[in-house]
Structures are given as C-alpha cells and as structure tokens.
Amino acid sequence: MEEPRYRDPIGDACNAMWDGLRQIGDFSYAILPKDIAHGLADLKKGILKELTTAMQWEMEWIDNRVAGGDKLREEWKAKCQTSADTTSGPAA
C-alpha cells in the first residue's frame, strides 16, 4: 500500500502566485514588438547594473568611514592616556 503524499497547501498557493506573476511578466513583454521588448530588457538590466555598482561603492565607503572612525578613536584614546599621565606626574 502506498502512503498518500502530503500536500503543502501554503507551498502550492505560493507556487501558484509565482506562476501568475511570471505569466503577467511574460504578457507584459509579449505585447511589445520583439526589438522593443529586448531593448527595454537591456535598458532595465543596465539600470540595475548601475544601481548595483552604486550600492557596492556606498558599502565600501561606509566600511572605509567605520575604519577611519576606529583609527581616530584609537588616536584619541592614546592622547587621553598620555595627557592623563603628564598631568598626574610624579608626586613632589
């Protein structure tokens, strides 16, 4: 005897939704002439590529600023320690 397969109703609904969205996307390009559809796709991909590049640059900039902040914090800490040492000095 075979066990009945367990069906995942949430997974089925999710897959149906994605299939519907895929079809809507296909329809949106199918109604355009072929050359325009391909040109539009290339334009969208170019824009996304530039956005990705800008985001990567921004993340590198943030990392560099955090590293610079860490360096300044260490310099300030060292200056505070040296000034505390010179003001306390040996007792006379």
N, C-alpha and C. Protein backbone atom coordinates (compact mmCIF):
# COMPACT_ATOMS: atom_id res chain seq x y z
N MET A 1 0.83 -1.18 0.00
CA MET A 1 0.00 0.00 0.00
C MET A 1 0.87 1.25 0.00
N GLU A 2 0.52 2.17 -0.82
CA GLU A 2 1.24 3.43 -0.87
C GLU A 2 0.64 4.41 0.12
N GLU A 3 1.54 5.20 0.73
CA GLU A 3 1.08 6.28 1.62
C GLU A 3 0.58 7.43 0.77
N PRO A 4 -0.46 8.08 1.21
CA PRO A 4 -0.86 9.28 0.46
C PRO A 4 0.20 10.36 0.64
N ARG A 5 0.51 11.05 -0.46
CA ARG A 5 1.52 12.11 -0.38
C ARG A 5 0.95 13.29 0.37
N TYR A 6 1.81 13.88 1.19
CA TYR A 6 1.42 15.08 1.94
C TYR A 6 1.49 16.26 1.00
N ARG A 7 0.45 17.02 0.92
CA ARG A 7 0.42 18.22 0.10
C ARG A 7 0.59 19.43 0.99
N ASP A 8 1.43 20.32 0.56
CA ASP A 8 1.68 21.55 1.30
C ASP A 8 0.82 22.66 0.71
N PRO A 9 -0.31 22.98 1.34
CA PRO A 9 -1.22 23.98 0.75
C PRO A 9 -0.59 25.36 0.64
N ILE A 10 0.26 25.72 1.59
CA ILE A 10 0.91 27.03 1.54
C ILE A 10 1.90 27.06 0.38
N GLY A 11 2.66 25.98 0.25
CA GLY A 11 3.62 25.90 -0.87
C GLY A 11 2.91 25.91 -2.20
N ASP A 12 1.78 25.21 -2.29
CA ASP A 12 1.00 25.20 -3.53
C ASP A 12 0.49 26.60 -3.86
N ALA A 13 0.00 27.31 -2.86
CA ALA A 13 -0.51 28.67 -3.08
C ALA A 13 0.62 29.60 -3.50
N CYS A 14 1.76 29.45 -2.85
CA CYS A 14 2.92 30.30 -3.18
C CYS A 14 3.37 30.03 -4.61
N ASN A 15 3.47 28.76 -4.98
CA ASN A 15 3.87 28.43 -6.35
C ASN A 15 2.88 28.97 -7.36
N ALA A 16 1.59 28.88 -7.05
CA ALA A 16 0.56 29.40 -7.96
C ALA A 16 0.71 30.91 -8.11
N MET A 17 0.99 31.59 -7.01
CA MET A 17 1.16 33.04 -7.07
C MET A 17 2.36 33.40 -7.95
N TRP A 18 3.50 32.71 -7.74
CA TRP A 18 4.69 33.00 -8.55
C TRP A 18 4.44 32.69 -10.02
N ASP A 19 3.72 31.61 -10.30
CA ASP A 19 3.39 31.29 -11.69
C ASP A 19 2.55 32.40 -12.31
N GLY A 20 1.60 32.92 -11.54
CA GLY A 20 0.77 34.01 -12.04
C GLY A 20 1.59 35.26 -12.32
N LEU A 21 2.51 35.59 -11.41
CA LEU A 21 3.37 36.77 -11.62
C LEU A 21 4.29 36.57 -12.83
N ARG A 22 4.79 35.34 -13.00
CA ARG A 22 5.62 35.05 -14.17
C ARG A 22 4.83 35.25 -15.46
N GLN A 23 3.59 34.79 -15.46
CA GLN A 23 2.76 34.96 -16.66
C GLN A 23 2.48 36.43 -16.94
N ILE A 24 2.22 37.19 -15.91
CA ILE A 24 2.00 38.63 -16.10
C ILE A 24 3.25 39.28 -16.70
N GLY A 25 4.43 38.89 -16.18
CA GLY A 25 5.68 39.41 -16.74
C GLY A 25 5.86 39.01 -18.19
N ASP A 26 5.53 37.75 -18.50
CA ASP A 26 5.64 37.29 -19.89
C ASP A 26 4.69 38.07 -20.79
N PHE A 27 3.46 38.28 -20.32
CA PHE A 27 2.47 39.03 -21.10
C PHE A 27 2.96 40.45 -21.36
N SER A 28 3.57 41.07 -20.34
CA SER A 28 3.98 42.47 -20.49
C SER A 28 5.05 42.63 -21.56
N TYR A 29 5.87 41.61 -21.77
CA TYR A 29 6.86 41.69 -22.85
C TYR A 29 6.29 41.16 -24.16
N ALA A 30 5.33 40.22 -24.11
CA ALA A 30 4.76 39.64 -25.32
C ALA A 30 3.95 40.65 -26.11
N ILE A 31 3.36 41.64 -25.43
CA ILE A 31 2.54 42.62 -26.16
C ILE A 31 3.39 43.64 -26.92
N LEU A 32 4.69 43.68 -26.61
CA LEU A 32 5.59 44.62 -27.29
C LEU A 32 6.21 43.95 -28.51
N PRO A 33 6.57 44.74 -29.53
CA PRO A 33 7.35 44.16 -30.63
C PRO A 33 8.68 43.61 -30.10
N LYS A 34 9.19 42.59 -30.76
CA LYS A 34 10.37 41.86 -30.28
C LYS A 34 11.55 42.78 -30.02
N ASP A 35 11.87 43.67 -30.96
CA ASP A 35 13.04 44.53 -30.79
C ASP A 35 12.86 45.51 -29.62
N ILE A 36 11.64 46.00 -29.44
CA ILE A 36 11.38 46.91 -28.32
C ILE A 36 11.46 46.17 -26.99
N ALA A 37 10.91 44.94 -26.96
CA ALA A 37 10.96 44.14 -25.73
C ALA A 37 12.40 43.87 -25.33
N HIS A 38 13.24 43.50 -26.29
CA HIS A 38 14.65 43.24 -25.98
C HIS A 38 15.38 44.52 -25.58
N GLY A 39 15.07 45.62 -26.24
CA GLY A 39 15.68 46.91 -25.89
C GLY A 39 15.29 47.34 -24.49
N LEU A 40 14.01 47.17 -24.15
CA LEU A 40 13.54 47.51 -22.81
C LEU A 40 14.22 46.64 -21.75
N ALA A 41 14.35 45.36 -22.05
CA ALA A 41 15.03 44.45 -21.11
C ALA A 41 16.48 44.87 -20.92
N ASP A 42 17.16 45.22 -22.00
CA ASP A 42 18.56 45.67 -21.89
C ASP A 42 18.66 46.96 -21.08
N LEU A 43 17.71 47.87 -21.29
CA LEU A 43 17.69 49.12 -20.52
C LEU A 43 17.52 48.83 -19.03
N LYS A 44 16.55 47.98 -18.69
CA LYS A 44 16.31 47.64 -17.28
C LYS A 44 17.54 46.98 -16.65
N LYS A 45 18.17 46.06 -17.39
CA LYS A 45 19.36 45.40 -16.86
C LYS A 45 20.51 46.39 -16.67
N GLY A 46 20.65 47.33 -17.60
CA GLY A 46 21.68 48.36 -17.47
C GLY A 46 21.47 49.23 -16.24
N ILE A 47 20.22 49.61 -16.02
CA ILE A 47 19.90 50.43 -14.83
C ILE A 47 20.20 49.65 -13.56
N LEU A 48 19.78 48.38 -13.52
CA LEU A 48 20.04 47.56 -12.33
C LEU A 48 21.53 47.37 -12.10
N LYS A 49 22.29 47.24 -13.19
CA LYS A 49 23.74 47.09 -13.05
C LYS A 49 24.35 48.34 -12.43
N GLU A 50 23.91 49.51 -12.90
CA GLU A 50 24.43 50.77 -12.34
C GLU A 50 24.02 50.93 -10.88
N LEU A 51 22.80 50.56 -10.55
CA LEU A 51 22.36 50.62 -9.15
C LEU A 51 23.19 49.70 -8.27
N THR A 52 23.48 48.51 -8.78
CA THR A 52 24.31 47.56 -8.03
C THR A 52 25.70 48.14 -7.81
N THR A 53 26.27 48.73 -8.85
CA THR A 53 27.60 49.34 -8.73
C THR A 53 27.58 50.47 -7.70
N ALA A 54 26.54 51.29 -7.73
CA ALA A 54 26.43 52.40 -6.78
C ALA A 54 26.29 51.86 -5.35
N MET A 55 25.52 50.81 -5.18
CA MET A 55 25.35 50.22 -3.85
C MET A 55 26.67 49.65 -3.33
N GLN A 56 27.42 48.99 -4.20
CA GLN A 56 28.71 48.44 -3.79
C GLN A 56 29.66 49.58 -3.40
N TRP A 57 29.66 50.66 -4.17
CA TRP A 57 30.52 51.79 -3.84
C TRP A 57 30.11 52.35 -2.48
N GLU A 58 28.81 52.48 -2.24
CA GLU A 58 28.32 53.02 -0.97
C GLU A 58 28.74 52.13 0.20
N MET A 59 28.65 50.81 0.02
CA MET A 59 29.04 49.90 1.11
C MET A 59 30.55 49.99 1.39
N GLU A 60 31.36 50.11 0.33
CA GLU A 60 32.80 50.28 0.53
C GLU A 60 33.07 51.60 1.25
N TRP A 61 32.36 52.66 0.87
CA TRP A 61 32.54 53.97 1.50
C TRP A 61 32.21 53.88 2.99
N ILE A 62 31.12 53.20 3.32
CA ILE A 62 30.74 53.04 4.73
C ILE A 62 31.81 52.26 5.49
N ASP A 63 32.30 51.17 4.90
CA ASP A 63 33.35 50.38 5.56
C ASP A 63 34.59 51.22 5.81
N ASN A 64 34.97 52.05 4.82
CA ASN A 64 36.14 52.91 4.99
C ASN A 64 35.91 53.96 6.07
N ARG A 65 34.71 54.52 6.16
CA ARG A 65 34.42 55.51 7.20
C ARG A 65 34.46 54.87 8.59
N VAL A 66 33.94 53.66 8.71
CA VAL A 66 33.98 52.96 10.00
C VAL A 66 35.43 52.68 10.40
N ALA A 67 36.25 52.26 9.43
CA ALA A 67 37.66 52.00 9.72
C ALA A 67 38.36 53.30 10.12
N GLY A 68 38.03 54.41 9.44
CA GLY A 68 38.61 55.70 9.81
C GLY A 68 38.17 56.12 11.21
N GLY A 69 36.92 55.88 11.55
CA GLY A 69 36.43 56.19 12.89
C GLY A 69 37.14 55.38 13.96
N ASP A 70 37.40 54.10 13.66
CA ASP A 70 38.14 53.26 14.61
C ASP A 70 39.54 53.80 14.82
N LYS A 71 40.19 54.24 13.74
CA LYS A 71 41.55 54.78 13.83
C LYS A 71 41.56 56.06 14.68
N LEU A 72 40.59 56.96 14.42
CA LEU A 72 40.52 58.19 15.20
C LEU A 72 40.25 57.90 16.68
N ARG A 73 39.35 56.94 16.93
CA ARG A 73 39.04 56.59 18.31
C ARG A 73 40.29 56.11 19.05
N GLU A 74 41.11 55.31 18.39
CA GLU A 74 42.35 54.82 18.99
C GLU A 74 43.33 55.97 19.23
N GLU A 75 43.42 56.90 18.26
CA GLU A 75 44.30 58.05 18.43
C GLU A 75 43.85 58.91 19.61
N TRP A 76 42.53 59.15 19.71
CA TRP A 76 42.01 59.95 20.83
C TRP A 76 42.26 59.27 22.16
N LYS A 77 42.08 57.95 22.18
CA LYS A 77 42.31 57.20 23.41
C LYS A 77 43.77 57.31 23.83
N ALA A 78 44.69 57.20 22.85
CA ALA A 78 46.12 57.30 23.15
C ALA A 78 46.45 58.71 23.66
N LYS A 79 45.87 59.75 23.06
CA LYS A 79 46.12 61.12 23.51
C LYS A 79 45.58 61.35 24.91
N CYS A 80 44.42 60.80 25.21
CA CYS A 80 43.85 60.95 26.55
C CYS A 80 44.73 60.28 27.59
N GLN A 81 45.26 59.11 27.26
CA GLN A 81 46.12 58.39 28.20
C GLN A 81 47.42 59.15 28.43
N THR A 82 48.02 59.71 27.37
CA THR A 82 49.28 60.44 27.54
C THR A 82 49.06 61.74 28.30
N SER A 83 47.94 62.43 28.06
CA SER A 83 47.69 63.67 28.78
C SER A 83 47.37 63.38 30.25
N ALA A 84 46.72 62.25 30.52
CA ALA A 84 46.44 61.88 31.91
C ALA A 84 47.74 61.54 32.63
N ASP A 85 48.67 60.90 31.92
CA ASP A 85 49.95 60.55 32.52
C ASP A 85 50.78 61.81 32.82
N THR A 86 50.76 62.82 31.94
CA THR A 86 51.56 64.03 32.17
C THR A 86 50.94 64.91 33.24
N THR A 87 49.61 64.92 33.37
CA THR A 87 49.00 65.77 34.40
C THR A 87 49.13 65.15 35.79
N SER A 88 49.11 63.84 35.88
CA SER A 88 49.25 63.23 37.22
C SER A 88 50.71 63.27 37.67
N GLY A 89 51.64 63.01 36.78
CA GLY A 89 53.08 63.12 37.05
C GLY A 89 53.48 62.56 38.40
N PRO A 90 54.79 62.57 38.69
CA PRO A 90 55.29 62.08 39.99
C PRO A 90 54.98 63.08 41.11
N ALA A 91 54.72 62.58 42.28
CA ALA A 91 54.43 63.44 43.43
C ALA A 91 55.72 64.03 43.92
N ALA A 92 55.72 65.36 44.22
CA ALA A 92 56.95 66.02 44.66
C ALA A 92 56.94 66.29 46.12
